[in-house]
N, C-alpha and C. Protein backbone atom coordinates (compact mmCIF):
# COMPACT_ATOMS: atom_id res chain seq x y z
N UNK A 1 100.03 163.93 124.76
CA UNK A 1 98.82 163.63 124.00
C UNK A 1 97.71 164.66 124.29
N UNK A 2 97.54 164.95 125.58
CA UNK A 2 96.53 165.93 125.98
C UNK A 2 96.83 167.29 125.36
N UNK A 3 98.12 167.65 125.30
CA UNK A 3 98.50 168.94 124.74
C UNK A 3 98.16 169.02 123.25
N UNK A 4 98.32 167.90 122.53
CA UNK A 4 97.99 167.91 121.10
C UNK A 4 96.50 168.07 120.89
N UNK A 5 95.71 167.40 121.71
CA UNK A 5 94.25 167.55 121.61
C UNK A 5 93.86 169.00 121.90
N UNK A 6 94.49 169.57 122.92
CA UNK A 6 94.20 170.97 123.28
C UNK A 6 94.59 171.92 122.16
N UNK A 7 95.76 171.68 121.55
CA UNK A 7 96.21 172.53 120.45
C UNK A 7 95.25 172.46 119.26
N UNK A 8 94.83 171.24 118.91
CA UNK A 8 93.89 171.08 117.80
C UNK A 8 92.56 171.76 118.11
N UNK A 9 92.11 171.61 119.35
CA UNK A 9 90.83 172.21 119.73
C UNK A 9 90.90 173.74 119.67
N UNK A 10 92.00 174.30 120.16
CA UNK A 10 92.16 175.75 120.13
C UNK A 10 92.32 176.25 118.69
N UNK A 11 93.02 175.46 117.87
CA UNK A 11 93.27 175.90 116.49
C UNK A 11 91.99 176.07 115.69
N UNK A 12 90.94 175.31 116.04
CA UNK A 12 89.70 175.43 115.28
C UNK A 12 88.62 176.17 116.07
N UNK A 13 89.05 177.14 116.87
CA UNK A 13 88.11 177.88 117.71
C UNK A 13 87.06 178.64 116.89
N UNK A 14 87.43 179.02 115.67
CA UNK A 14 86.47 179.75 114.84
C UNK A 14 85.36 178.84 114.32
N UNK A 15 85.52 177.53 114.47
CA UNK A 15 84.50 176.59 114.05
C UNK A 15 83.61 176.14 115.21
N UNK A 16 83.91 176.56 116.45
CA UNK A 16 83.18 176.06 117.61
C UNK A 16 81.70 176.41 117.56
N UNK A 17 81.36 177.58 117.08
CA UNK A 17 79.96 177.98 117.04
C UNK A 17 79.13 177.14 116.08
N UNK A 18 79.80 176.45 115.17
CA UNK A 18 79.06 175.62 114.22
C UNK A 18 78.38 174.44 114.90
N UNK A 19 78.86 174.07 116.09
CA UNK A 19 78.21 172.99 116.81
C UNK A 19 76.77 173.35 117.14
N UNK A 20 76.52 174.64 117.43
CA UNK A 20 75.17 175.08 117.78
C UNK A 20 74.21 174.92 116.60
N UNK A 21 74.75 174.98 115.38
CA UNK A 21 73.90 174.83 114.19
C UNK A 21 73.36 173.40 114.10
N UNK A 22 74.07 172.45 114.68
CA UNK A 22 73.65 171.05 114.61
C UNK A 22 72.36 170.80 115.38
N UNK A 23 72.11 171.60 116.42
CA UNK A 23 70.94 171.34 117.28
C UNK A 23 69.63 171.47 116.53
N UNK A 24 69.34 172.61 115.86
CA UNK A 24 68.07 172.67 115.11
C UNK A 24 68.00 171.67 113.97
N UNK A 25 69.14 171.33 113.38
CA UNK A 25 69.14 170.33 112.31
C UNK A 25 68.75 168.96 112.85
N UNK A 26 69.27 168.61 114.02
CA UNK A 26 68.93 167.34 114.63
C UNK A 26 67.45 167.30 115.04
N UNK A 27 66.96 168.42 115.55
CA UNK A 27 65.54 168.48 115.92
C UNK A 27 64.66 168.28 114.70
N UNK A 28 65.04 168.89 113.58
CA UNK A 28 64.28 168.73 112.35
C UNK A 28 64.29 167.28 111.88
N UNK A 29 65.46 166.63 111.93
CA UNK A 29 65.54 165.24 111.51
C UNK A 29 64.82 164.32 112.49
N UNK A 30 64.84 164.67 113.77
CA UNK A 30 64.12 163.88 114.76
C UNK A 30 62.63 163.93 114.59
N UNK A 31 62.14 164.94 113.89
CA UNK A 31 60.71 165.05 113.58
C UNK A 31 60.26 163.88 112.71
N UNK A 32 61.18 163.33 111.92
CA UNK A 32 60.86 162.18 111.08
C UNK A 32 61.08 160.87 111.81
N UNK A 33 62.19 160.75 112.52
CA UNK A 33 62.50 159.49 113.20
C UNK A 33 63.49 159.73 114.34
N UNK A 34 63.12 159.44 115.58
CA UNK A 34 64.04 159.66 116.71
C UNK A 34 65.30 158.81 116.63
N UNK A 35 65.19 157.57 116.12
CA UNK A 35 66.34 156.68 116.12
C UNK A 35 67.43 157.14 115.14
N UNK A 36 67.07 158.01 114.20
CA UNK A 36 68.07 158.51 113.25
C UNK A 36 69.01 159.52 113.89
N UNK A 37 68.64 160.03 115.07
CA UNK A 37 69.44 161.09 115.69
C UNK A 37 70.81 160.60 116.14
N UNK A 38 70.89 159.35 116.60
CA UNK A 38 72.16 158.85 117.13
C UNK A 38 73.21 158.71 116.03
N UNK A 39 72.97 157.91 114.97
CA UNK A 39 74.00 157.83 113.92
C UNK A 39 74.22 159.17 113.22
N UNK A 40 73.15 159.97 113.08
CA UNK A 40 73.30 161.27 112.43
C UNK A 40 74.18 162.19 113.26
N UNK A 41 74.00 162.19 114.57
CA UNK A 41 74.84 163.01 115.45
C UNK A 41 76.30 162.60 115.34
N UNK A 42 76.53 161.30 115.28
CA UNK A 42 77.90 160.79 115.17
C UNK A 42 78.54 161.23 113.85
N UNK A 43 77.77 161.15 112.76
CA UNK A 43 78.29 161.55 111.45
C UNK A 43 78.61 163.04 111.44
N UNK A 44 77.72 163.85 112.00
CA UNK A 44 77.94 165.30 112.02
C UNK A 44 79.14 165.67 112.89
N UNK A 45 79.30 165.00 114.02
CA UNK A 45 80.43 165.28 114.88
C UNK A 45 81.75 164.81 114.25
N UNK A 46 81.68 163.74 113.47
CA UNK A 46 82.89 163.32 112.75
C UNK A 46 83.27 164.38 111.71
N UNK A 47 82.26 164.91 111.00
CA UNK A 47 82.54 165.96 110.03
C UNK A 47 83.14 167.18 110.72
N UNK A 48 82.72 167.44 111.95
CA UNK A 48 83.29 168.56 112.70
C UNK A 48 84.71 168.25 113.16
N UNK A 49 84.99 166.98 113.44
CA UNK A 49 86.30 166.58 113.97
C UNK A 49 87.44 166.76 112.98
N UNK A 50 87.12 166.88 111.69
CA UNK A 50 88.18 167.01 110.69
C UNK A 50 88.59 168.47 110.47
N UNK A 51 87.97 169.39 111.21
CA UNK A 51 88.32 170.80 111.04
C UNK A 51 89.78 171.13 111.34
N UNK A 52 90.46 170.43 112.25
CA UNK A 52 91.89 170.72 112.43
C UNK A 52 92.71 170.58 111.16
N UNK A 53 92.28 169.67 110.27
CA UNK A 53 92.99 169.53 109.00
C UNK A 53 92.79 170.76 108.12
N UNK A 54 91.57 171.35 108.18
CA UNK A 54 91.31 172.56 107.40
C UNK A 54 92.15 173.72 107.90
N UNK A 55 92.19 173.88 109.23
CA UNK A 55 92.99 174.95 109.82
C UNK A 55 94.47 174.72 109.55
N UNK A 56 94.88 173.45 109.66
CA UNK A 56 96.27 173.09 109.42
C UNK A 56 96.72 173.46 108.01
N UNK A 57 95.85 173.19 107.04
CA UNK A 57 96.21 173.46 105.65
C UNK A 57 96.27 174.96 105.37
N UNK A 58 95.36 175.73 105.99
CA UNK A 58 95.34 177.17 105.76
C UNK A 58 96.51 177.87 106.45
N UNK A 59 96.83 177.41 107.66
CA UNK A 59 97.87 178.09 108.42
C UNK A 59 99.20 177.37 108.45
N UNK A 60 99.31 176.26 107.70
CA UNK A 60 100.55 175.48 107.66
C UNK A 60 101.00 175.11 109.07
N UNK A 61 100.06 174.56 109.85
CA UNK A 61 100.34 174.23 111.24
C UNK A 61 101.26 173.02 111.39
N UNK A 62 101.43 172.24 110.33
CA UNK A 62 102.32 171.10 110.42
C UNK A 62 103.72 171.52 110.85
N UNK A 63 104.21 172.59 110.25
CA UNK A 63 105.55 173.05 110.58
C UNK A 63 105.62 173.54 112.03
N UNK A 64 104.51 174.15 112.49
CA UNK A 64 104.48 174.60 113.88
C UNK A 64 104.49 173.42 114.83
N UNK A 65 103.65 172.43 114.56
CA UNK A 65 103.58 171.26 115.43
C UNK A 65 104.91 170.52 115.48
N UNK A 66 105.54 170.38 114.32
CA UNK A 66 106.80 169.63 114.28
C UNK A 66 107.97 170.41 114.85
N UNK A 67 107.78 171.71 115.07
CA UNK A 67 108.82 172.49 115.75
C UNK A 67 108.73 172.34 117.27
N UNK A 68 107.64 171.76 117.74
CA UNK A 68 107.46 171.53 119.17
C UNK A 68 108.09 170.19 119.56
N UNK A 69 108.36 170.00 120.83
CA UNK A 69 108.96 168.71 121.27
C UNK A 69 107.92 167.60 121.34
N UNK A 70 107.32 167.28 120.21
CA UNK A 70 106.33 166.20 120.14
C UNK A 70 106.67 165.30 118.95
N UNK A 71 106.32 164.05 119.07
CA UNK A 71 106.54 163.10 118.00
C UNK A 71 105.38 163.17 117.01
N UNK A 72 105.65 162.74 115.79
CA UNK A 72 104.58 162.71 114.80
C UNK A 72 103.47 161.75 115.21
N UNK A 73 103.84 160.69 115.89
CA UNK A 73 102.83 159.74 116.35
C UNK A 73 101.86 160.40 117.32
N UNK A 74 102.35 161.38 118.11
CA UNK A 74 101.47 162.09 119.04
C UNK A 74 100.48 162.97 118.30
N UNK A 75 100.90 163.55 117.17
CA UNK A 75 100.00 164.36 116.36
C UNK A 75 98.87 163.50 115.82
N UNK A 76 99.22 162.34 115.31
CA UNK A 76 98.21 161.43 114.74
C UNK A 76 97.28 160.93 115.84
N UNK A 77 97.85 160.49 116.95
CA UNK A 77 97.04 159.97 118.05
C UNK A 77 96.11 161.05 118.61
N UNK A 78 96.60 162.29 118.66
CA UNK A 78 95.78 163.38 119.15
C UNK A 78 94.55 163.61 118.29
N UNK A 79 94.72 163.52 116.97
CA UNK A 79 93.58 163.70 116.07
C UNK A 79 92.53 162.60 116.28
N UNK A 80 93.01 161.37 116.43
CA UNK A 80 92.08 160.25 116.61
C UNK A 80 91.37 160.31 117.96
N UNK A 81 92.10 160.71 119.01
CA UNK A 81 91.47 160.82 120.32
C UNK A 81 90.45 161.95 120.36
N UNK A 82 90.76 163.06 119.69
CA UNK A 82 89.80 164.15 119.61
C UNK A 82 88.54 163.70 118.88
N UNK A 83 88.72 162.96 117.78
CA UNK A 83 87.56 162.44 117.04
C UNK A 83 86.76 161.46 117.89
N UNK A 84 87.45 160.66 118.72
CA UNK A 84 86.75 159.71 119.58
C UNK A 84 85.96 160.43 120.67
N UNK A 85 86.53 161.50 121.22
CA UNK A 85 85.80 162.29 122.21
C UNK A 85 84.56 162.93 121.59
N UNK A 86 84.69 163.42 120.37
CA UNK A 86 83.54 164.01 119.69
C UNK A 86 82.53 162.94 119.30
N UNK A 87 83.00 161.71 119.04
CA UNK A 87 82.08 160.60 118.81
C UNK A 87 81.22 160.35 120.05
N UNK A 88 81.84 160.35 121.23
CA UNK A 88 81.10 160.17 122.47
C UNK A 88 80.13 161.33 122.70
N UNK A 89 80.56 162.54 122.34
CA UNK A 89 79.67 163.70 122.45
C UNK A 89 78.48 163.55 121.51
N UNK A 90 78.72 163.01 120.31
CA UNK A 90 77.64 162.76 119.37
C UNK A 90 76.65 161.74 119.89
N UNK A 91 77.16 160.66 120.50
CA UNK A 91 76.28 159.66 121.11
C UNK A 91 75.42 160.30 122.20
N UNK A 92 76.05 161.08 123.07
CA UNK A 92 75.32 161.71 124.16
C UNK A 92 74.25 162.66 123.64
N UNK A 93 74.59 163.44 122.60
CA UNK A 93 73.62 164.37 122.02
C UNK A 93 72.45 163.62 121.38
N UNK A 94 72.77 162.55 120.64
CA UNK A 94 71.72 161.79 119.97
C UNK A 94 70.77 161.14 120.95
N UNK A 95 71.33 160.44 121.94
CA UNK A 95 70.48 159.78 122.94
C UNK A 95 69.75 160.80 123.82
N UNK A 96 70.40 161.93 124.08
CA UNK A 96 69.76 162.95 124.91
C UNK A 96 68.59 163.61 124.24
N UNK A 97 68.67 163.80 122.92
CA UNK A 97 67.60 164.48 122.19
C UNK A 97 66.52 163.51 121.72
N UNK A 98 66.79 162.22 121.75
CA UNK A 98 65.84 161.24 121.24
C UNK A 98 64.49 161.27 121.97
N UNK A 99 64.46 161.34 123.32
CA UNK A 99 63.15 161.41 123.99
C UNK A 99 62.36 162.66 123.62
N UNK A 100 63.05 163.79 123.45
CA UNK A 100 62.37 165.02 123.07
C UNK A 100 61.82 164.93 121.65
N UNK A 101 62.63 164.36 120.75
CA UNK A 101 62.18 164.22 119.36
C UNK A 101 61.00 163.26 119.26
N UNK A 102 60.96 162.29 120.16
CA UNK A 102 59.88 161.31 120.13
C UNK A 102 58.51 161.94 120.40
N UNK A 103 58.52 163.07 121.11
CA UNK A 103 57.26 163.75 121.42
C UNK A 103 56.61 164.37 120.19
N UNK A 104 57.42 164.73 119.20
CA UNK A 104 56.88 165.40 118.02
C UNK A 104 57.07 164.59 116.74
N UNK A 105 57.66 163.41 116.88
CA UNK A 105 58.02 162.63 115.69
C UNK A 105 56.81 161.94 115.08
N UNK A 106 56.88 161.76 113.76
CA UNK A 106 55.86 161.00 113.04
C UNK A 106 56.02 159.50 113.30
N UNK A 107 57.24 159.08 113.61
CA UNK A 107 57.50 157.67 113.88
C UNK A 107 57.02 157.33 115.28
N UNK A 108 56.24 156.24 115.39
CA UNK A 108 55.70 155.83 116.69
C UNK A 108 56.52 154.73 117.34
N UNK A 109 57.62 154.33 116.69
CA UNK A 109 58.46 153.28 117.26
C UNK A 109 59.62 153.91 118.02
N UNK A 110 59.77 153.49 119.29
CA UNK A 110 60.85 154.03 120.12
C UNK A 110 61.68 152.86 120.62
N UNK A 111 63.00 152.93 120.51
CA UNK A 111 63.85 151.77 120.84
C UNK A 111 63.93 151.48 122.33
N UNK A 112 64.02 150.18 122.68
CA UNK A 112 64.25 149.80 124.07
C UNK A 112 65.76 149.80 124.32
N UNK A 113 66.17 149.29 125.48
CA UNK A 113 67.57 149.36 125.87
C UNK A 113 68.48 148.60 124.90
N UNK A 114 68.04 147.38 124.49
CA UNK A 114 68.86 146.59 123.59
C UNK A 114 69.00 147.26 122.22
N UNK A 115 67.91 147.87 121.74
CA UNK A 115 67.99 148.56 120.47
C UNK A 115 68.86 149.82 120.58
N UNK A 116 68.87 150.46 121.76
CA UNK A 116 69.77 151.60 121.98
C UNK A 116 71.22 151.14 121.92
N UNK A 117 71.49 149.95 122.48
CA UNK A 117 72.83 149.39 122.39
C UNK A 117 73.22 149.10 120.95
N UNK A 118 72.24 148.62 120.18
CA UNK A 118 72.48 148.36 118.76
C UNK A 118 72.78 149.65 118.01
N UNK A 119 72.05 150.72 118.34
CA UNK A 119 72.29 152.02 117.71
C UNK A 119 73.71 152.52 118.03
N UNK A 120 74.13 152.34 119.28
CA UNK A 120 75.47 152.77 119.67
C UNK A 120 76.54 151.98 118.94
N UNK A 121 76.34 150.65 118.83
CA UNK A 121 77.32 149.81 118.12
C UNK A 121 77.36 150.15 116.64
N UNK A 122 76.19 150.38 116.04
CA UNK A 122 76.15 150.75 114.63
C UNK A 122 76.83 152.10 114.40
N UNK A 123 76.62 153.03 115.31
CA UNK A 123 77.24 154.35 115.19
C UNK A 123 78.76 154.24 115.30
N UNK A 124 79.24 153.35 116.17
CA UNK A 124 80.69 153.14 116.28
C UNK A 124 81.24 152.52 115.00
N UNK A 125 80.47 151.62 114.41
CA UNK A 125 80.87 151.02 113.13
C UNK A 125 80.98 152.10 112.06
N UNK A 126 80.00 152.99 112.01
CA UNK A 126 80.03 154.10 111.05
C UNK A 126 81.24 155.00 111.30
N UNK A 127 81.52 155.28 112.57
CA UNK A 127 82.67 156.11 112.92
C UNK A 127 83.97 155.45 112.46
N UNK A 128 84.10 154.16 112.70
CA UNK A 128 85.31 153.45 112.28
C UNK A 128 85.46 153.41 110.77
N UNK A 129 84.35 153.20 110.06
CA UNK A 129 84.39 153.15 108.60
C UNK A 129 84.76 154.51 108.02
N UNK A 130 84.18 155.57 108.56
CA UNK A 130 84.50 156.91 108.08
C UNK A 130 85.94 157.28 108.39
N UNK A 131 86.44 156.83 109.54
CA UNK A 131 87.84 157.09 109.89
C UNK A 131 88.77 156.41 108.90
N UNK A 132 88.45 155.15 108.55
CA UNK A 132 89.29 154.43 107.60
C UNK A 132 89.26 155.07 106.23
N UNK A 133 88.09 155.57 105.82
CA UNK A 133 87.96 156.17 104.50
C UNK A 133 88.63 157.54 104.42
N UNK A 134 88.60 158.31 105.51
CA UNK A 134 88.96 159.72 105.41
C UNK A 134 90.30 160.10 106.04
N UNK A 135 90.58 159.62 107.23
CA UNK A 135 91.77 160.12 107.94
C UNK A 135 93.08 159.84 107.21
N UNK A 136 93.31 158.63 106.70
CA UNK A 136 94.57 158.43 105.95
C UNK A 136 94.69 159.37 104.75
N UNK A 137 93.56 159.65 104.09
CA UNK A 137 93.56 160.57 102.96
C UNK A 137 93.89 161.98 103.41
N UNK A 138 93.36 162.39 104.56
CA UNK A 138 93.63 163.73 105.06
C UNK A 138 95.10 163.90 105.44
N UNK A 139 95.66 162.89 106.06
CA UNK A 139 97.09 162.96 106.42
C UNK A 139 97.98 162.91 105.19
N UNK A 140 97.50 162.26 104.15
CA UNK A 140 98.31 162.10 102.93
C UNK A 140 98.16 163.29 101.98
N UNK A 141 96.92 163.66 101.68
CA UNK A 141 96.66 164.66 100.65
C UNK A 141 96.32 166.04 101.19
N UNK A 142 96.02 166.16 102.47
CA UNK A 142 95.57 167.43 103.00
C UNK A 142 94.06 167.52 102.96
N UNK A 143 93.53 168.63 103.45
CA UNK A 143 92.08 168.75 103.64
C UNK A 143 91.30 168.82 102.34
N UNK A 144 91.69 169.69 101.42
CA UNK A 144 90.90 169.92 100.21
C UNK A 144 90.83 168.67 99.33
N UNK A 145 91.96 168.05 99.06
CA UNK A 145 91.96 166.84 98.23
C UNK A 145 91.50 165.62 99.02
N UNK A 146 91.84 165.59 100.30
CA UNK A 146 91.50 164.43 101.12
C UNK A 146 90.01 164.25 101.31
N UNK A 147 89.28 165.36 101.49
CA UNK A 147 87.84 165.21 101.70
C UNK A 147 87.13 164.77 100.42
N UNK A 148 87.72 165.06 99.26
CA UNK A 148 87.13 164.61 98.00
C UNK A 148 87.21 163.10 97.89
N UNK A 149 88.41 162.55 98.12
CA UNK A 149 88.62 161.11 97.96
C UNK A 149 88.21 160.32 99.20
N UNK A 150 88.23 160.96 100.35
CA UNK A 150 87.94 160.24 101.58
C UNK A 150 86.54 160.42 102.12
N UNK A 151 85.80 161.43 101.61
CA UNK A 151 84.45 161.70 102.13
C UNK A 151 83.40 161.65 101.03
N UNK A 152 83.57 162.49 100.01
CA UNK A 152 82.54 162.56 98.97
C UNK A 152 82.45 161.28 98.15
N UNK A 153 83.61 160.75 97.73
CA UNK A 153 83.59 159.54 96.92
C UNK A 153 83.03 158.34 97.69
N UNK A 154 83.49 158.07 98.93
CA UNK A 154 82.85 156.97 99.68
C UNK A 154 81.37 157.21 99.93
N UNK A 155 80.98 158.48 100.15
CA UNK A 155 79.57 158.78 100.35
C UNK A 155 78.74 158.42 99.13
N UNK A 156 79.26 158.73 97.96
CA UNK A 156 78.54 158.39 96.72
C UNK A 156 78.45 156.87 96.56
N UNK A 157 79.54 156.16 96.86
CA UNK A 157 79.54 154.71 96.74
C UNK A 157 78.56 154.06 97.72
N UNK A 158 78.49 154.60 98.94
CA UNK A 158 77.54 154.08 99.92
C UNK A 158 76.10 154.32 99.46
N UNK A 159 75.86 155.50 98.90
CA UNK A 159 74.51 155.80 98.40
C UNK A 159 74.12 154.84 97.27
N UNK A 160 75.07 154.55 96.37
CA UNK A 160 74.81 153.61 95.28
C UNK A 160 74.54 152.21 95.84
N UNK A 161 75.35 151.80 96.83
CA UNK A 161 75.14 150.48 97.45
C UNK A 161 73.78 150.39 98.13
N UNK A 162 73.36 151.49 98.74
CA UNK A 162 72.04 151.52 99.40
C UNK A 162 70.92 151.36 98.38
N UNK A 163 71.03 152.06 97.27
CA UNK A 163 70.01 151.95 96.21
C UNK A 163 69.96 150.53 95.66
N UNK A 164 71.15 149.93 95.46
CA UNK A 164 71.19 148.55 94.96
C UNK A 164 70.53 147.60 95.95
N UNK A 165 70.77 147.82 97.25
CA UNK A 165 70.16 146.96 98.27
C UNK A 165 68.63 147.10 98.26
N UNK A 166 68.16 148.32 98.15
CA UNK A 166 66.71 148.54 98.12
C UNK A 166 66.08 147.90 96.89
N UNK A 167 66.74 148.05 95.75
CA UNK A 167 66.21 147.47 94.53
C UNK A 167 66.27 145.94 94.58
N UNK A 168 67.36 145.39 95.14
CA UNK A 168 67.49 143.94 95.25
C UNK A 168 66.44 143.37 96.18
N UNK A 169 66.05 144.13 97.18
CA UNK A 169 65.06 143.66 98.14
C UNK A 169 63.71 143.39 97.48
N UNK A 170 63.44 144.09 96.41
CA UNK A 170 62.15 143.91 95.73
C UNK A 170 62.07 142.56 95.04
N UNK A 171 63.21 141.99 94.70
CA UNK A 171 63.23 140.73 93.95
C UNK A 171 63.63 139.54 94.83
N UNK A 172 63.77 139.76 96.13
CA UNK A 172 64.18 138.68 97.03
C UNK A 172 63.01 138.28 97.91
N UNK A 173 62.46 137.12 97.61
CA UNK A 173 61.37 136.56 98.43
C UNK A 173 60.29 137.59 98.71
N UNK A 174 59.83 138.23 97.64
CA UNK A 174 58.75 139.22 97.74
C UNK A 174 59.10 140.39 98.67
N UNK A 175 60.31 140.82 98.58
CA UNK A 175 60.71 142.01 99.32
C UNK A 175 60.89 141.80 100.80
N UNK A 176 61.52 140.72 101.22
CA UNK A 176 61.69 140.44 102.65
C UNK A 176 63.15 140.36 103.08
N UNK A 177 64.10 140.72 102.21
CA UNK A 177 65.51 140.63 102.57
C UNK A 177 65.84 141.52 103.75
N UNK A 178 65.48 142.80 103.63
CA UNK A 178 65.79 143.75 104.70
C UNK A 178 65.02 143.40 105.97
N UNK A 179 63.75 143.03 105.82
CA UNK A 179 62.96 142.68 107.00
C UNK A 179 63.53 141.45 107.71
N UNK A 180 64.03 140.48 106.94
CA UNK A 180 64.65 139.30 107.55
C UNK A 180 65.93 139.68 108.29
N UNK A 181 66.68 140.59 107.73
CA UNK A 181 67.90 141.05 108.40
C UNK A 181 67.55 141.73 109.72
N UNK A 182 66.50 142.55 109.71
CA UNK A 182 66.08 143.25 110.93
C UNK A 182 65.55 142.27 111.97
N UNK A 183 64.81 141.26 111.51
CA UNK A 183 64.28 140.26 112.44
C UNK A 183 65.42 139.47 113.09
N UNK A 184 66.42 139.12 112.28
CA UNK A 184 67.58 138.41 112.82
C UNK A 184 68.33 139.28 113.84
N UNK A 185 68.49 140.56 113.50
CA UNK A 185 69.17 141.47 114.42
C UNK A 185 68.39 141.61 115.72
N UNK A 186 67.05 141.64 115.63
CA UNK A 186 66.22 141.75 116.82
C UNK A 186 66.32 140.50 117.69
N UNK A 187 66.51 139.34 117.05
CA UNK A 187 66.61 138.09 117.80
C UNK A 187 67.99 137.81 118.35
N UNK A 188 69.01 138.48 117.84
CA UNK A 188 70.39 138.27 118.29
C UNK A 188 71.07 139.62 118.53
N UNK A 189 70.53 140.44 119.41
CA UNK A 189 71.06 141.81 119.56
C UNK A 189 72.50 141.86 120.06
N UNK A 190 72.84 141.00 121.03
CA UNK A 190 74.20 141.05 121.58
C UNK A 190 75.23 140.58 120.55
N UNK A 191 74.87 139.55 119.77
CA UNK A 191 75.77 139.07 118.72
C UNK A 191 76.00 140.14 117.67
N UNK A 192 74.91 140.78 117.24
CA UNK A 192 75.00 141.84 116.23
C UNK A 192 75.79 143.03 116.77
N UNK A 193 75.51 143.42 118.02
CA UNK A 193 76.21 144.56 118.61
C UNK A 193 77.71 144.27 118.74
N UNK A 194 78.03 143.07 119.24
CA UNK A 194 79.44 142.71 119.39
C UNK A 194 80.16 142.67 118.05
N UNK A 195 79.48 142.12 117.02
CA UNK A 195 80.09 142.06 115.70
C UNK A 195 80.34 143.44 115.12
N UNK A 196 79.36 144.34 115.27
CA UNK A 196 79.52 145.69 114.74
C UNK A 196 80.61 146.45 115.49
N UNK A 197 80.67 146.26 116.81
CA UNK A 197 81.69 146.95 117.59
C UNK A 197 83.09 146.46 117.21
N UNK A 198 83.26 145.14 117.08
CA UNK A 198 84.57 144.60 116.73
C UNK A 198 84.98 145.03 115.32
N UNK A 199 84.02 145.05 114.39
CA UNK A 199 84.32 145.49 113.02
C UNK A 199 84.70 146.96 113.00
N UNK A 200 83.96 147.78 113.77
CA UNK A 200 84.30 149.20 113.86
C UNK A 200 85.67 149.40 114.48
N UNK A 201 86.01 148.60 115.50
CA UNK A 201 87.33 148.69 116.12
C UNK A 201 88.43 148.29 115.14
N UNK A 202 88.15 147.28 114.31
CA UNK A 202 89.12 146.86 113.30
C UNK A 202 89.34 147.97 112.27
N UNK A 203 88.26 148.60 111.81
CA UNK A 203 88.38 149.71 110.87
C UNK A 203 89.19 150.85 111.48
N UNK A 204 88.89 151.17 112.74
CA UNK A 204 89.56 152.28 113.41
C UNK A 204 91.05 151.99 113.61
N UNK A 205 91.38 150.75 113.97
CA UNK A 205 92.77 150.37 114.16
C UNK A 205 93.55 150.43 112.85
N UNK A 206 92.95 149.91 111.78
CA UNK A 206 93.61 149.97 110.46
C UNK A 206 93.81 151.41 110.02
N UNK A 207 92.81 152.24 110.27
CA UNK A 207 92.90 153.65 109.90
C UNK A 207 94.05 154.33 110.65
N UNK A 208 94.14 154.07 111.96
CA UNK A 208 95.19 154.70 112.77
C UNK A 208 96.59 154.26 112.32
N UNK A 209 96.77 152.98 112.11
CA UNK A 209 98.07 152.46 111.70
C UNK A 209 98.47 152.99 110.33
N UNK A 210 97.50 153.07 109.42
CA UNK A 210 97.78 153.59 108.08
C UNK A 210 98.13 155.07 108.13
N UNK A 211 97.37 155.84 108.92
CA UNK A 211 97.66 157.27 109.06
C UNK A 211 99.02 157.50 109.70
N UNK A 212 99.34 156.67 110.69
CA UNK A 212 100.63 156.79 111.36
C UNK A 212 101.78 156.54 110.38
N UNK A 213 101.61 155.56 109.53
CA UNK A 213 102.64 155.23 108.54
C UNK A 213 102.78 156.36 107.52
N UNK A 214 101.66 156.90 107.07
CA UNK A 214 101.69 157.96 106.07
C UNK A 214 102.32 159.23 106.62
N UNK A 215 101.89 159.64 107.82
CA UNK A 215 102.35 160.89 108.39
C UNK A 215 103.83 160.82 108.81
N UNK A 216 104.28 159.62 109.21
CA UNK A 216 105.67 159.48 109.63
C UNK A 216 106.63 159.63 108.46
N UNK A 217 106.14 159.38 107.24
CA UNK A 217 106.99 159.46 106.06
C UNK A 217 106.74 160.73 105.23
N UNK A 218 105.82 161.55 105.69
CA UNK A 218 105.47 162.75 104.91
C UNK A 218 106.54 163.81 105.09
N UNK A 219 106.84 164.51 103.99
CA UNK A 219 107.82 165.59 104.02
C UNK A 219 107.11 166.93 103.91
N UNK A 220 107.61 167.91 104.64
CA UNK A 220 107.02 169.24 104.65
C UNK A 220 108.04 170.28 104.19
């Protein structure tokens, strides 16, 4: 398993410098709101984690990997573990930069420990949802087609759902739907965090099992 993670990491060495580009982008976004840095870091690191699929498609690495004494399940597990490690790196980067961003941010609200836990749980939920939407598509269709159906299309649907929620909030009890949800979350942080973590774990498990099934039957 470790060897597969190492191979994937080495294969995308030409993309490593792109991580440095994320730092000024996160600082710019932190200027608006420090709490946005954690989920944003996770999303950006997930986008970076799919680079092995891009390299694989360009260099036909599937044939190379399958010529090695490794099982297909190890290839799939390696991709997911690499993404999980980068998820943890995204959490660390987001929480690490949040105090610095708070010094220059327009937002005067800074999360306490429980709200930081909520941010971490929400970020894990986002990671699991993106994994379910994208990884099976990448293993099935490859990078170019997979990112269209697994990244751009879900992104558009999420944006539409967000707009619908904002518009619906205007007609619900004088615009208090979202505020009521936030108040409930503030009053039940551990319940909300546990629910988001379990839901994210369910998404991630379904994604892994589906990718494993797809890749095990794929012909090259």
